[in-house]
Protein backbone atom coordinates (compact mmCIF):
# COMPACT_ATOMS: atom_id res chain seq x y z
CA MET A 1 -80.51 133.62 79.19
CA HIS A 2 -78.78 130.55 80.61
CA ILE A 3 -76.70 130.13 83.75
CA PRO A 4 -73.99 127.44 83.58
CA PRO A 5 -71.96 126.61 86.72
CA LEU A 6 -68.48 127.83 87.51
CA SER A 7 -65.91 125.60 89.21
CA PRO A 8 -65.67 124.93 92.12
CA PHE A 9 -68.82 126.97 92.80
CA GLY A 10 -70.82 129.90 91.50
CA ALA A 11 -72.44 130.43 88.10
CA GLU A 12 -72.08 132.57 84.98
CA VAL A 13 -75.03 134.43 83.46
CA ILE A 14 -75.01 134.35 79.65
CA GLY A 15 -77.35 135.85 77.08
CA ILE A 16 -78.71 138.98 78.77
CA ASP A 17 -78.13 142.56 77.62
CA LEU A 18 -77.79 144.53 80.84
CA ASP A 19 -77.50 147.84 78.97
CA ASP A 20 -81.11 147.33 77.87
CA GLU A 21 -83.50 148.48 80.60
CA SER A 22 -86.22 146.20 79.23
CA ALA A 23 -84.05 143.17 80.10
CA HIS A 24 -84.89 143.73 83.77
CA ASP A 25 -88.42 142.33 83.61
CA GLY A 26 -89.97 140.60 86.60
CA ALA A 27 -89.34 137.02 85.43
CA THR A 28 -85.71 137.73 84.61
CA CYS A 29 -85.08 139.44 87.95
CA ASP A 30 -86.70 136.54 89.82
CA ALA A 31 -84.51 134.06 87.93
CA LEU A 32 -81.36 136.03 88.71
CA ARG A 33 -82.18 136.33 92.42
CA HIS A 34 -82.92 132.60 92.59
CA ALA A 35 -79.64 131.76 90.84
CA TRP A 36 -77.77 134.07 93.24
CA VAL A 37 -79.20 132.35 96.31
CA GLU A 38 -78.47 128.91 94.87
CA ASN A 39 -74.91 129.65 93.70
CA GLY A 40 -73.45 132.31 96.02
CA ILE A 41 -71.82 134.32 93.23
CA LEU A 42 -72.94 135.26 89.72
CA LEU A 43 -70.52 136.31 86.98
CA PHE A 44 -71.54 138.56 84.07
CA ARG A 45 -68.84 138.81 81.37
CA ASN A 46 -68.47 141.98 79.29
CA ALA A 47 -71.87 142.94 80.64
CA LEU A 48 -71.80 146.34 82.37
CA HIS A 49 -70.69 149.40 80.47
CA SER A 50 -71.97 152.30 82.60
CA GLU A 51 -72.74 153.38 86.15
CA GLU A 52 -76.44 153.42 85.25
CA ALA A 53 -76.36 149.77 84.19
CA HIS A 54 -74.35 148.93 87.31
CA LEU A 55 -76.99 150.46 89.59
CA ARG A 56 -79.86 148.79 87.68
CA LEU A 57 -78.29 145.37 88.11
CA SER A 58 -77.51 146.08 91.78
CA ARG A 59 -81.20 146.75 92.45
CA VAL A 60 -82.10 143.29 91.14
CA PHE A 61 -80.43 141.87 94.26
CA GLY A 62 -81.08 144.62 96.82
CA ASP A 63 -81.05 148.33 97.47
CA PRO A 64 -77.60 149.97 97.23
CA GLN A 65 -76.22 151.67 100.32
CA PRO A 66 -72.99 153.58 101.04
CA SER A 67 -70.17 151.64 102.64
CA ALA A 68 -69.76 151.97 106.41
CA VAL A 69 -66.18 153.17 105.75
CA LYS A 70 -67.06 156.61 104.41
CA ARG A 71 -63.60 157.48 103.07
CA ILE A 72 -63.87 154.85 100.31
CA ASN A 73 -67.24 156.10 99.00
CA ASP A 74 -67.17 158.05 95.75
CA ALA A 75 -67.66 161.80 96.31
CA ARG A 76 -69.93 162.03 93.22
CA ASN A 77 -72.21 159.17 94.26
CA ALA A 78 -71.86 157.60 97.70
CA TYR A 79 -73.47 154.36 96.49
CA PHE A 80 -70.24 153.62 94.61
CA MET A 81 -66.78 152.73 95.81
CA THR A 82 -64.25 153.67 93.15
CA LEU A 83 -61.24 151.38 93.59
CA HIS A 84 -58.36 152.88 91.63
CA GLN A 85 -54.76 151.78 91.92
CA GLN A 86 -52.66 154.33 90.03
CA PRO A 87 -49.15 153.19 89.10
CA GLY A 88 -46.56 154.30 91.65
CA ASP A 89 -49.08 156.21 93.78
CA ALA A 90 -48.42 155.85 97.52
CA SER A 91 -50.29 159.00 98.55
CA LYS A 92 -53.40 157.41 100.11
CA ASP A 93 -53.22 157.62 103.89
CA THR A 94 -53.70 153.84 104.23
CA PHE A 95 -51.38 152.87 101.36
CA THR A 96 -49.53 149.63 102.06
CA LEU A 97 -47.29 147.55 99.82
CA PHE A 98 -47.25 143.95 101.04
CA GLU A 99 -44.75 141.24 100.30
CA ILE A 100 -46.27 137.76 100.03
CA ASP A 101 -44.18 134.74 98.94
CA GLY A 102 -41.52 137.02 97.50
CA GLN A 103 -44.00 139.13 95.47
CA ARG A 104 -44.89 142.73 96.27
CA ARG A 105 -48.53 143.74 95.89
CA THR A 106 -50.66 146.77 96.65
CA GLY A 107 -54.42 146.41 96.96
CA TRP A 108 -53.96 142.99 98.54
CA LEU A 109 -56.83 141.91 100.81
CA GLY A 110 -57.01 138.76 102.92
CA TRP A 111 -60.10 136.57 103.15
CA HIS A 112 -63.12 138.28 104.72
CA TRP A 113 -66.81 139.01 104.53
CA ASP A 114 -67.77 142.64 104.14
CA GLN A 115 -68.27 144.79 107.22
CA ALA A 116 -67.67 142.02 109.75
CA PHE A 117 -66.55 144.85 112.04
CA THR A 118 -70.08 146.32 112.21
CA ALA A 119 -73.13 145.09 114.08
CA GLU A 120 -75.13 145.05 110.84
CA ILE A 121 -73.97 142.80 108.03
CA VAL A 122 -74.66 143.84 104.42
CA ARG A 123 -76.44 141.40 102.10
CA GLY A 124 -74.00 141.49 99.21
CA ALA A 125 -72.00 143.52 96.72
CA LEU A 126 -71.56 143.99 92.98
CA LEU A 127 -68.07 144.64 91.60
CA ARG A 128 -67.55 145.90 88.04
CA MET A 129 -64.14 145.97 86.40
CA ILE A 130 -63.46 149.07 84.29
CA MET A 131 -59.72 148.68 83.72
CA PRO A 132 -58.34 145.24 84.58
CA ALA A 133 -54.76 144.89 85.75
CA ARG A 134 -52.31 143.62 83.15
CA ILE A 135 -50.67 141.57 85.93
CA ASP A 136 -52.63 139.70 88.61
CA GLY A 137 -55.48 141.72 90.22
CA ARG A 138 -57.69 138.66 90.69
CA THR A 139 -60.58 138.36 93.16
CA GLY A 140 -61.10 135.11 95.05
CA PHE A 141 -64.34 133.69 96.45
CA ILE A 142 -65.04 130.76 98.80
CA ASP A 143 -68.41 129.20 99.61
CA ALA A 144 -68.75 129.11 103.40
CA ALA A 145 -71.86 126.90 103.20
CA ALA A 146 -69.84 124.19 101.45
CA ALA A 147 -67.02 124.77 103.97
CA TYR A 148 -69.43 124.04 106.83
CA GLU A 149 -70.55 120.85 105.14
CA ARG A 150 -66.91 119.70 104.84
CA LEU A 151 -66.44 119.92 108.61
CA ALA A 152 -66.50 116.73 110.62
CA PRO A 153 -69.90 116.23 112.32
CA ALA A 154 -68.32 116.46 115.78
CA LEU A 155 -66.80 119.85 114.91
CA GLN A 156 -70.09 121.05 113.43
CA GLN A 157 -71.79 120.20 116.71
CA ARG A 158 -69.03 121.83 118.76
CA ILE A 159 -69.23 125.23 117.04
CA ASP A 160 -73.01 125.51 116.76
CA GLY A 161 -74.09 128.33 119.08
CA LEU A 162 -70.62 129.89 119.47
CA GLU A 163 -70.03 133.58 118.77
CA VAL A 164 -67.00 135.49 117.45
CA VAL A 165 -65.79 138.92 118.53
CA TYR A 166 -64.66 141.16 115.66
CA HIS A 167 -62.79 144.47 115.80
CA PHE A 168 -61.59 146.57 112.86
CA THR A 169 -58.06 145.45 111.92
CA ALA A 170 -57.02 147.51 108.92
CA ALA A 171 -53.32 146.68 109.43
CA GLN A 172 -53.74 143.34 107.70
CA GLU A 173 -50.49 141.86 108.97
CA ALA A 174 -52.11 141.99 112.43
CA ASN A 175 -54.88 139.55 111.41
CA ARG A 176 -53.97 136.22 113.00
CA PHE A 177 -56.38 133.67 111.57
CA GLY A 178 -56.35 132.39 107.99
CA PHE A 179 -53.75 134.92 106.85
CA PRO A 180 -50.37 134.07 105.22
CA LYS A 181 -47.67 133.42 107.80
CA GLY A 182 -45.09 135.25 105.67
CA LEU A 183 -47.14 138.40 105.07
CA ARG A 184 -45.00 141.48 105.69
CA VAL A 185 -45.14 145.22 105.03
CA ALA A 186 -42.65 146.37 102.40
CA GLN A 187 -43.81 150.01 102.37
CA ARG A 188 -46.52 152.02 104.13
CA ASN A 189 -47.59 155.64 104.05
CA PRO A 190 -46.31 157.30 107.29
CA LYS A 191 -49.83 158.68 107.87
CA ALA A 192 -51.30 155.19 107.97
CA GLU A 193 -50.71 154.46 111.66
CA ALA A 194 -52.91 157.33 112.83
CA ALA A 195 -55.57 156.59 110.20
CA LEU A 196 -55.79 152.92 111.08
CA ALA A 197 -55.94 153.68 114.81
CA GLN A 198 -58.87 156.04 114.20
CA TYR A 199 -60.82 153.34 112.37
CA ARG A 200 -60.60 151.08 115.43
CA LEU A 201 -62.17 153.89 117.47
CA ASP A 202 -64.87 154.48 114.86
CA PHE A 203 -65.90 150.83 114.90
CA PRO A 204 -66.13 149.34 118.43
CA PRO A 205 -66.00 145.54 118.89
CA VAL A 206 -69.01 143.53 117.69
CA VAL A 207 -70.22 139.95 118.05
CA HIS A 208 -71.55 137.62 115.33
CA PRO A 209 -72.58 133.96 115.40
CA LEU A 210 -70.05 131.43 114.13
CA VAL A 211 -72.75 129.43 112.34
CA ILE A 212 -75.83 130.84 110.60
CA THR A 213 -78.58 129.24 108.53
CA GLN A 214 -79.34 130.39 104.99
CA HIS A 215 -83.05 131.00 105.41
CA GLU A 216 -83.94 130.41 101.74
CA THR A 217 -82.39 126.91 101.63
CA GLY A 218 -81.88 125.80 105.25
CA ARG A 219 -78.15 125.24 104.62
CA LYS A 220 -75.79 126.10 107.47
CA VAL A 221 -72.89 128.50 106.85
CA LEU A 222 -69.49 128.68 108.57
CA LYS A 223 -69.89 132.41 109.25
CA LEU A 224 -66.27 133.26 110.01
CA SER A 225 -64.46 136.28 108.61
CA PRO A 226 -60.70 135.66 108.99
CA MET A 227 -60.12 139.41 108.69
CA HIS A 228 -61.08 141.28 111.89
CA ALA A 229 -61.74 138.07 113.94
CA GLN A 230 -60.39 138.45 117.49
CA ARG A 231 -61.67 135.62 119.69
CA ILE A 232 -64.54 133.31 120.49
CA LEU A 233 -66.76 134.93 123.08
CA GLY A 234 -66.51 133.34 126.53
CA MET A 235 -63.76 130.86 125.61
CA GLU A 236 -60.35 130.60 127.26
CA PRO A 237 -57.82 132.43 124.99
CA ALA A 238 -55.61 129.47 124.10
CA LYS A 239 -58.59 127.27 123.24
CA SER A 240 -60.20 130.12 121.30
CA ASP A 241 -57.04 130.66 119.24
CA GLU A 242 -56.69 126.96 118.53
CA LEU A 243 -60.27 126.62 117.33
CA LEU A 244 -60.17 129.77 115.20
CA HIS A 245 -56.89 128.68 113.55
CA THR A 246 -58.44 125.29 112.77
CA LEU A 247 -61.63 126.77 111.33
CA ALA A 248 -59.93 129.57 109.39
CA ASP A 249 -57.35 127.25 107.81
CA HIS A 250 -60.18 124.92 106.80
CA LEU A 251 -62.25 127.78 105.40
CA VAL A 252 -59.56 129.47 103.28
CA ASP A 253 -58.29 126.28 101.62
CA PRO A 254 -57.47 127.51 98.07
CA ARG A 255 -58.53 124.16 96.57
CA HIS A 256 -62.12 125.26 97.12
CA ALA A 257 -61.75 128.85 95.89
CA TYR A 258 -62.88 130.44 92.65
CA PHE A 259 -60.36 133.07 91.52
CA HIS A 260 -61.61 135.39 88.81
CA THR A 261 -59.23 136.86 86.23
CA TRP A 262 -60.92 140.08 85.23
CA GLN A 263 -61.63 141.45 81.78
CA ALA A 264 -63.05 144.88 81.02
CA ASP A 265 -66.75 145.25 81.90
CA ASP A 266 -66.92 141.97 83.81
CA ALA A 267 -69.12 142.08 86.91
CA ILE A 268 -69.59 139.72 89.86
CA VAL A 269 -72.33 139.91 92.50
CA TRP A 270 -71.71 137.94 95.69
CA ASP A 271 -73.81 136.84 98.63
CA ASN A 272 -72.05 138.34 101.65
CA TRP A 273 -73.98 136.12 104.08
CA ARG A 274 -72.64 132.99 102.43
CA THR A 275 -69.26 133.74 100.85
CA ILE A 276 -65.90 135.19 101.80
CA HIS A 277 -63.66 136.92 99.30
CA SER A 278 -60.11 138.21 98.87
CA ALA A 279 -58.02 140.25 96.43
CA THR A 280 -54.58 139.22 95.17
CA GLY A 281 -53.54 142.85 94.54
CA VAL A 282 -51.29 144.20 91.80
CA PRO A 283 -47.64 145.21 91.46
CA PHE A 284 -46.93 148.82 92.46
CA ASP A 285 -46.47 149.95 88.83
CA VAL A 286 -49.73 148.40 87.53
CA GLU A 287 -53.03 150.26 87.11
CA ARG A 288 -56.41 148.80 87.99
CA LEU A 289 -59.80 150.54 88.12
CA ALA A 290 -63.06 149.07 89.41
CA GLN A 291 -66.34 150.23 90.94
CA ARG A 292 -68.45 148.52 93.58
CA THR A 293 -71.89 148.86 95.08
CA THR A 294 -72.93 147.50 98.47
CA LEU A 295 -76.37 145.93 98.93
CA VAL A 296 -78.63 146.49 101.93
CA GLY A 297 -79.65 143.61 104.16
CA ASP A 298 -79.06 142.69 107.79
CA TYR A 299 -79.51 139.12 109.05
CA LYS A 300 -80.26 140.67 112.48
CA LEU A 301 -77.92 138.40 114.44
CA GLY A 302 -75.00 140.74 115.14
CA ARG A 303 -74.62 143.09 118.09
CA PHE A 304 -72.11 145.36 119.79
CA LEU A 305 -69.90 143.66 122.39
CA ASP A 306 -70.64 146.55 124.78
CA PRO A 307 -74.44 146.95 125.01
CA ALA A 308 -73.93 150.66 125.68
CA HIS A 309 -73.16 151.14 121.99
CA ASP A 310 -76.60 149.76 121.13
CA ARG A 311 -78.16 152.43 123.34
CA ASP A 312 -75.91 155.27 122.19
CA ALA A 313 -76.13 154.52 118.46
CA PRO A 314 -79.42 152.79 117.62
CA ARG A 315 -78.91 150.34 114.78
CA ARG A 316 -80.84 150.53 111.55
CA ARG A 317 -82.58 147.32 110.59
CA PHE A 318 -83.07 146.38 106.98
CA ASP A 319 -85.60 143.98 105.50
CA ASP A 320 -84.30 141.45 102.98
């Protein structure tokens, strides 16, 4: 097994047969976890060919858990999200066809870290491509530790100790920071408005620090999720908006992104504490099928904006 770097960040794992259970020995697992911490994302090409192999590899990096958004969990096995775009299918209650720069895409997702809208942040995720899109369907990743290091020292000092309020914003055109200015809805399922409104009730506002420290390396991370970000806690609205626009535009600079063009049985595991990701989506008549697992782990720094929610719904705490 060797692990050459990707550009501009991340690494690819080569020379391991993940269908072979014996490949998951202690030394190999330790090496993979170390490489994951050091690189933020790991790519395995043509590596996973079954749900069983997917779950085995997931457990190298953490225990799988169902997603907080229950509707996207697979009915057969809640540890999996099955992400299937069927050509011409607009039946899902949240279906939206976006137009971005003159192109129409479904399955488009702006830059975010997973479950920013919850008080507990998951450790990571593993995405496996079963049927890649014949057009587009890429996934983008950005290293938020490197983004912090690119900030001017005065700005680093200014944001240290600040906190961001997040609230579920499933209508992506309503996200204000780090999202395309020309993003518009070309088509949406009429049921979507009620469904999206319910999600905001299911997930009350939460607060997370704007800067965290990666405990394994001591590196600081610009811990901003452009999706779901509402405001900086305790800051005057105009100043909060100005700062979040500045930070989000800096963070989502595509010059520093790795965009993966998927092939069948590719898999990528990402560190959700350190990276943000996005999806370019596919044209309405293009099929794409993938599965994803979510990995347990809470950095124990998030909380509900209203302390009453902490009392009414005690939070689970997970060890790394």
